[in-house]
Amino acid sequence: MQTSKKKTFQLLTGIFAVLIGIGLDQLTKQLAVLHLKEKAAISIIPGVFELYYLENHGAAFGILQGQKVFLIAVTAITMILLAYLYIRIPEAKHYFYIRAIILLLISGAIGNFIDRCLHDYVIDFFYFKFIDFPVFNVADIYVSIAAVLLVLLFCFYYNEEDIDFLADQILFWKRKEKH
């Protein structure tokens, strides 16, 4: 496949994957509204895990409560940067995992962005009661998985040359050669 066709296919595949991710997130949130809002929590594993409806007016772990404009601006900038990174990542199979992680991050960011724009809050509904973990949603799962995978990949899969190569490919400028 020619490079431009391959890049176009990669871009279209990425857009499709993000749309599926967003669709799953939004579907689960609508189900939460229909079946959980203004109702008692549904215990899945008694005392451990339950479905519990919550309207989060902040960010992760409830920080930045009521800062909708700030959160929307940060998310918009983040989505633009992630899209730029996705486009700039080399087509080589070796970087497939980074592209997949970026797609997870974009899906999660857009999923919660939609909620903030439409409702002024993010719909959360997964709750680990036994550790009183903050209530979260599918978009949050995407972001959390992406963060863990990113750390693992850079600790155990990619080496310093890969990181230098990515930096050279992604940045507007080339870094100076090491002597």
C-alpha atoms as a PDB file:
ATOM      1  CA  MET A   1       0.000   0.000   0.000  1.00  0.00           C
ATOM      2  CA  GLN A   2       1.342   3.453  -0.853  1.00  0.00           C
ATOM      3  CA  THR A   3       2.327   5.681   2.036  1.00  0.00           C
ATOM      4  CA  SER A   4      -0.434   8.260   1.498  1.00  0.00           C
ATOM      5  CA  LYS A   5      -3.074   5.532   1.100  1.00  0.00           C
ATOM      6  CA  LYS A   6      -1.754   3.765   4.156  1.00  0.00           C
ATOM      7  CA  LYS A   7      -1.827   7.002   6.158  1.00  0.00           C
ATOM      8  CA  THR A   8      -5.387   7.730   4.978  1.00  0.00           C
ATOM      9  CA  PHE A   9      -6.480   4.194   5.901  1.00  0.00           C
ATOM     10  CA  GLN A  10      -4.815   4.576   9.317  1.00  0.00           C
ATOM     11  CA  LEU A  11      -6.581   7.898   9.864  1.00  0.00           C
ATOM     12  CA  LEU A  12      -9.998   6.554   8.830  1.00  0.00           C
ATOM     13  CA  THR A  13      -9.524   3.461  10.988  1.00  0.00           C
ATOM     14  CA  GLY A  14      -8.605   5.699  13.908  1.00  0.00           C
ATOM     15  CA  ILE A  15     -11.676   7.891  13.409  1.00  0.00           C
ATOM     16  CA  PHE A  16     -13.875   4.775  13.245  1.00  0.00           C
ATOM     17  CA  ALA A  17     -12.312   3.369  16.436  1.00  0.00           C
ATOM     18  CA  VAL A  18     -12.846   6.676  18.255  1.00  0.00           C
ATOM     19  CA  LEU A  19     -16.476   6.825  17.109  1.00  0.00           C
ATOM     20  CA  ILE A  20     -17.063   3.297  18.417  1.00  0.00           C
ATOM     21  CA  GLY A  21     -15.399   4.193  21.720  1.00  0.00           C
ATOM     22  CA  ILE A  22     -17.474   7.353  22.087  1.00  0.00           C
ATOM     23  CA  GLY A  23     -20.621   5.463  21.117  1.00  0.00           C
ATOM     24  CA  LEU A  24     -20.031   2.821  23.787  1.00  0.00           C
ATOM     25  CA  ASP A  25     -19.346   5.483  26.402  1.00  0.00           C
ATOM     26  CA  GLN A  26     -22.446   7.505  25.516  1.00  0.00           C
ATOM     27  CA  LEU A  27     -24.635   4.381  25.328  1.00  0.00           C
ATOM     28  CA  THR A  28     -23.600   3.278  28.804  1.00  0.00           C
ATOM     29  CA  LYS A  29     -24.236   6.770  30.147  1.00  0.00           C
ATOM     30  CA  GLN A  30     -27.726   6.804  28.634  1.00  0.00           C
ATOM     31  CA  LEU A  31     -28.402   3.410  30.198  1.00  0.00           C
ATOM     32  CA  ALA A  32     -27.211   4.808  33.518  1.00  0.00           C
ATOM     33  CA  VAL A  33     -29.633   7.730  33.204  1.00  0.00           C
ATOM     34  CA  LEU A  34     -32.521   5.414  32.293  1.00  0.00           C
ATOM     35  CA  HIS A  35     -31.914   2.757  34.936  1.00  0.00           C
ATOM     36  CA  LEU A  36     -30.012   4.449  37.767  1.00  0.00           C
ATOM     37  CA  LYS A  37     -30.928   8.130  37.999  1.00  0.00           C
ATOM     38  CA  GLU A  38     -33.020   8.892  41.092  1.00  0.00           C
ATOM     39  CA  LYS A  39     -32.956   5.200  42.040  1.00  0.00           C
ATOM     40  CA  ALA A  40     -31.105   3.147  44.594  1.00  0.00           C
ATOM     41  CA  ALA A  41     -27.712   1.768  43.597  1.00  0.00           C
ATOM     42  CA  ILE A  42     -27.669  -1.669  41.992  1.00  0.00           C
ATOM     43  CA  SER A  43     -25.340  -4.022  43.828  1.00  0.00           C
ATOM     44  CA  ILE A  44     -23.372  -6.217  41.423  1.00  0.00           C
ATOM     45  CA  ILE A  45     -21.046  -7.722  44.031  1.00  0.00           C
ATOM     46  CA  PRO A  46     -22.522  -6.961  47.467  1.00  0.00           C
ATOM     47  CA  GLY A  47     -20.294  -4.638  49.487  1.00  0.00           C
ATOM     48  CA  VAL A  48     -17.720  -4.516  46.681  1.00  0.00           C
ATOM     49  CA  PHE A  49     -19.035  -3.133  43.388  1.00  0.00           C
ATOM     50  CA  GLU A  50     -22.230  -1.364  42.439  1.00  0.00           C
ATOM     51  CA  LEU A  51     -23.828   0.768  39.771  1.00  0.00           C
ATOM     52  CA  TYR A  52     -24.501   4.158  41.318  1.00  0.00           C
ATOM     53  CA  TYR A  53     -25.625   7.252  39.415  1.00  0.00           C
ATOM     54  CA  LEU A  54     -23.600  10.416  40.009  1.00  0.00           C
ATOM     55  CA  GLU A  55     -23.424  13.769  38.230  1.00  0.00           C
ATOM     56  CA  ASN A  56     -19.806  14.910  38.456  1.00  0.00           C
ATOM     57  CA  HIS A  57     -19.450  18.673  37.991  1.00  0.00           C
ATOM     58  CA  GLY A  58     -15.665  18.443  38.197  1.00  0.00           C
ATOM     59  CA  ALA A  59     -12.846  16.333  36.824  1.00  0.00           C
ATOM     60  CA  ALA A  60     -11.307  13.050  37.953  1.00  0.00           C
ATOM     61  CA  PHE A  61     -11.734  12.299  41.655  1.00  0.00           C
ATOM     62  CA  GLY A  62     -14.112  15.261  41.928  1.00  0.00           C
ATOM     63  CA  ILE A  63     -11.425  17.936  41.603  1.00  0.00           C
ATOM     64  CA  LEU A  64     -12.136  21.302  39.956  1.00  0.00           C
ATOM     65  CA  GLN A  65     -15.835  21.239  40.841  1.00  0.00           C
ATOM     66  CA  GLY A  66     -17.848  23.811  38.904  1.00  0.00           C
ATOM     67  CA  GLN A  67     -14.990  24.673  36.532  1.00  0.00           C
ATOM     68  CA  LYS A  68     -16.869  23.736  33.337  1.00  0.00           C
ATOM     69  CA  VAL A  69     -15.336  26.392  31.053  1.00  0.00           C
ATOM     70  CA  PHE A  70     -11.809  25.561  32.195  1.00  0.00           C
ATOM     71  CA  LEU A  71     -12.382  21.807  31.810  1.00  0.00           C
ATOM     72  CA  ILE A  72     -13.879  22.238  28.330  1.00  0.00           C
ATOM     73  CA  ALA A  73     -10.942  24.427  27.249  1.00  0.00           C
ATOM     74  CA  VAL A  74      -8.336  21.997  28.603  1.00  0.00           C
ATOM     75  CA  THR A  75     -10.129  19.061  26.968  1.00  0.00           C
ATOM     76  CA  ALA A  76     -10.357  20.843  23.607  1.00  0.00           C
ATOM     77  CA  ILE A  77      -6.642  21.666  23.670  1.00  0.00           C
ATOM     78  CA  THR A  78      -5.825  18.097  24.736  1.00  0.00           C
ATOM     79  CA  MET A  79      -7.917  16.627  21.902  1.00  0.00           C
ATOM     80  CA  ILE A  80      -6.165  18.842  19.351  1.00  0.00           C
ATOM     81  CA  LEU A  81      -2.735  17.835  20.663  1.00  0.00           C
ATOM     82  CA  LEU A  82      -3.669  14.154  20.693  1.00  0.00           C
ATOM     83  CA  ALA A  83      -5.007  14.341  17.130  1.00  0.00           C
ATOM     84  CA  TYR A  84      -1.774  16.044  16.063  1.00  0.00           C
ATOM     85  CA  LEU A  85       0.286  13.324  17.771  1.00  0.00           C
ATOM     86  CA  TYR A  86      -1.789  10.585  16.161  1.00  0.00           C
ATOM     87  CA  ILE A  87      -1.214  12.048  12.708  1.00  0.00           C
ATOM     88  CA  ARG A  88       2.519  12.460  13.329  1.00  0.00           C
ATOM     89  CA  ILE A  89       3.205   8.992  14.781  1.00  0.00           C
ATOM     90  CA  PRO A  90       5.141   6.918  12.224  1.00  0.00           C
ATOM     91  CA  GLU A  91       3.178   4.281  10.306  1.00  0.00           C
ATOM     92  CA  ALA A  92       5.559   1.494  11.366  1.00  0.00           C
ATOM     93  CA  LYS A  93       3.941  -1.445  13.154  1.00  0.00           C
ATOM     94  CA  HIS A  94       6.332  -0.816  16.026  1.00  0.00           C
ATOM     95  CA  TYR A  95       4.285   2.261  16.984  1.00  0.00           C
ATOM     96  CA  PHE A  96       0.867   0.615  16.753  1.00  0.00           C
ATOM     97  CA  TYR A  97       0.490   0.575  20.542  1.00  0.00           C
ATOM     98  CA  ILE A  98       1.105   4.296  20.867  1.00  0.00           C
ATOM     99  CA  ARG A  99      -1.473   4.996  18.170  1.00  0.00           C
ATOM    100  CA  ALA A 100      -3.976   2.747  19.995  1.00  0.00           C
ATOM    101  CA  ILE A 101      -3.302   4.523  23.292  1.00  0.00           C
ATOM    102  CA  ILE A 102      -3.862   7.906  21.665  1.00  0.00           C
ATOM    103  CA  LEU A 103      -7.196   6.663  20.302  1.00  0.00           C
ATOM    104  CA  LEU A 104      -8.238   5.532  23.793  1.00  0.00           C
ATOM    105  CA  LEU A 105      -7.294   8.936  25.207  1.00  0.00           C
ATOM    106  CA  ILE A 106      -9.190  10.775  22.479  1.00  0.00           C
ATOM    107  CA  SER A 107     -12.277   8.560  22.971  1.00  0.00           C
ATOM    108  CA  GLY A 108     -12.259   9.162  26.707  1.00  0.00           C
ATOM    109  CA  ALA A 109     -11.693  12.898  26.369  1.00  0.00           C
ATOM    110  CA  ILE A 110     -14.487  13.318  23.816  1.00  0.00           C
ATOM    111  CA  GLY A 111     -16.880  11.109  25.801  1.00  0.00           C
ATOM    112  CA  ASN A 112     -16.636  13.292  28.883  1.00  0.00           C
ATOM    113  CA  PHE A 113     -16.418  16.482  26.760  1.00  0.00           C
ATOM    114  CA  ILE A 114     -19.833  15.663  25.274  1.00  0.00           C
ATOM    115  CA  ASP A 115     -21.304  15.307  28.760  1.00  0.00           C
ATOM    116  CA  ARG A 116     -19.870  18.612  29.942  1.00  0.00           C
ATOM    117  CA  CYS A 117     -21.169  20.436  26.878  1.00  0.00           C
ATOM    118  CA  LEU A 118     -24.642  18.851  26.926  1.00  0.00           C
ATOM    119  CA  HIS A 119     -25.325  18.533  30.651  1.00  0.00           C
ATOM    120  CA  ASP A 120     -22.792  20.741  32.485  1.00  0.00           C
ATOM    121  CA  TYR A 121     -21.618  17.576  34.265  1.00  0.00           C
ATOM    122  CA  VAL A 122     -20.210  14.130  33.519  1.00  0.00           C
ATOM    123  CA  ILE A 123     -22.363  11.068  34.146  1.00  0.00           C
ATOM    124  CA  ASP A 124     -20.543   8.533  36.333  1.00  0.00           C
ATOM    125  CA  PHE A 125     -21.954   5.204  37.489  1.00  0.00           C
ATOM    126  CA  PHE A 126     -19.313   2.560  38.326  1.00  0.00           C
ATOM    127  CA  TYR A 127     -18.518   2.456  42.041  1.00  0.00           C
ATOM    128  CA  PHE A 128     -16.110   0.219  43.968  1.00  0.00           C
ATOM    129  CA  LYS A 129     -17.777   0.483  47.343  1.00  0.00           C
ATOM    130  CA  PHE A 130     -15.310  -1.643  49.305  1.00  0.00           C
ATOM    131  CA  ILE A 131     -12.513   0.900  48.809  1.00  0.00           C
ATOM    132  CA  ASP A 132     -14.806   3.918  48.415  1.00  0.00           C
ATOM    133  CA  PHE A 133     -13.166   4.630  45.058  1.00  0.00           C
ATOM    134  CA  PRO A 134     -14.525   7.669  43.203  1.00  0.00           C
ATOM    135  CA  VAL A 135     -17.451   6.889  40.890  1.00  0.00           C
ATOM    136  CA  PHE A 136     -16.351   6.667  37.242  1.00  0.00           C
ATOM    137  CA  ASN A 137     -17.550   5.832  33.718  1.00  0.00           C
ATOM    138  CA  VAL A 138     -16.430   4.119  30.506  1.00  0.00           C
ATOM    139  CA  ALA A 139     -14.555   7.209  29.234  1.00  0.00           C
ATOM    140  CA  ASP A 140     -12.591   7.252  32.494  1.00  0.00           C
ATOM    141  CA  ILE A 141     -11.741   3.580  31.968  1.00  0.00           C
ATOM    142  CA  TYR A 142     -10.331   4.390  28.513  1.00  0.00           C
ATOM    143  CA  VAL A 143      -8.100   7.109  29.942  1.00  0.00           C
ATOM    144  CA  SER A 144      -6.957   4.961  32.881  1.00  0.00           C
ATOM    145  CA  ILE A 145      -6.119   1.968  30.685  1.00  0.00           C
ATOM    146  CA  ALA A 146      -4.272   4.230  28.252  1.00  0.00           C
ATOM    147  CA  ALA A 147      -2.211   5.777  31.060  1.00  0.00           C
ATOM    148  CA  VAL A 148      -1.222   2.386  32.508  1.00  0.00           C
ATOM    149  CA  LEU A 149      -0.363   0.990  29.059  1.00  0.00           C
ATOM    150  CA  LEU A 150       1.700   4.063  28.230  1.00  0.00           C
ATOM    151  CA  VAL A 151       3.789   3.672  31.375  1.00  0.00           C
ATOM    152  CA  LEU A 152       4.258  -0.065  30.775  1.00  0.00           C
ATOM    153  CA  LEU A 153       5.239   0.438  27.141  1.00  0.00           C
ATOM    154  CA  PHE A 154       7.816   3.075  27.934  1.00  0.00           C
ATOM    155  CA  CYS A 155       9.204   0.987  30.793  1.00  0.00           C
ATOM    156  CA  PHE A 156       9.355  -2.381  29.032  1.00  0.00           C
ATOM    157  CA  TYR A 157       8.796  -2.133  25.264  1.00  0.00           C
ATOM    158  CA  TYR A 158      10.193   1.072  23.819  1.00  0.00           C
ATOM    159  CA  ASN A 159      13.823   2.011  24.294  1.00  0.00           C
ATOM    160  CA  GLU A 160      15.598   5.364  24.316  1.00  0.00           C
ATOM    161  CA  GLU A 161      16.160   5.320  20.531  1.00  0.00           C
ATOM    162  CA  ASP A 162      12.408   4.841  19.961  1.00  0.00           C
ATOM    163  CA  ILE A 163      11.635   7.769  22.229  1.00  0.00           C
ATOM    164  CA  ASP A 164      14.246   9.967  20.503  1.00  0.00           C
ATOM    165  CA  PHE A 165      12.871   8.960  17.093  1.00  0.00           C
ATOM    166  CA  LEU A 166       9.314   9.784  18.167  1.00  0.00           C
ATOM    167  CA  ALA A 167      10.412  13.138  19.547  1.00  0.00           C
ATOM    168  CA  ASP A 168      12.101  13.950  16.230  1.00  0.00           C
ATOM    169  CA  GLN A 169       9.025  12.862  14.247  1.00  0.00           C
ATOM    170  CA  ILE A 170       6.461  14.654  16.386  1.00  0.00           C
ATOM    171  CA  LEU A 171       8.141  17.936  17.216  1.00  0.00           C
ATOM    172  CA  PHE A 172       8.366  20.835  14.786  1.00  0.00           C
ATOM    173  CA  TRP A 173      12.104  20.950  15.236  1.00  0.00           C
ATOM    174  CA  LYS A 174      14.830  18.325  15.227  1.00  0.00           C
ATOM    175  CA  ARG A 175      16.773  17.746  18.389  1.00  0.00           C
ATOM    176  CA  LYS A 176      20.536  18.161  18.290  1.00  0.00           C
ATOM    177  CA  GLU A 177      22.592  15.019  17.830  1.00  0.00           C
ATOM    178  CA  LYS A 178      24.256  13.637  20.945  1.00  0.00           C
ATOM    179  CA  HIS A 179      28.052  13.672  20.820  1.00  0.00           C
END
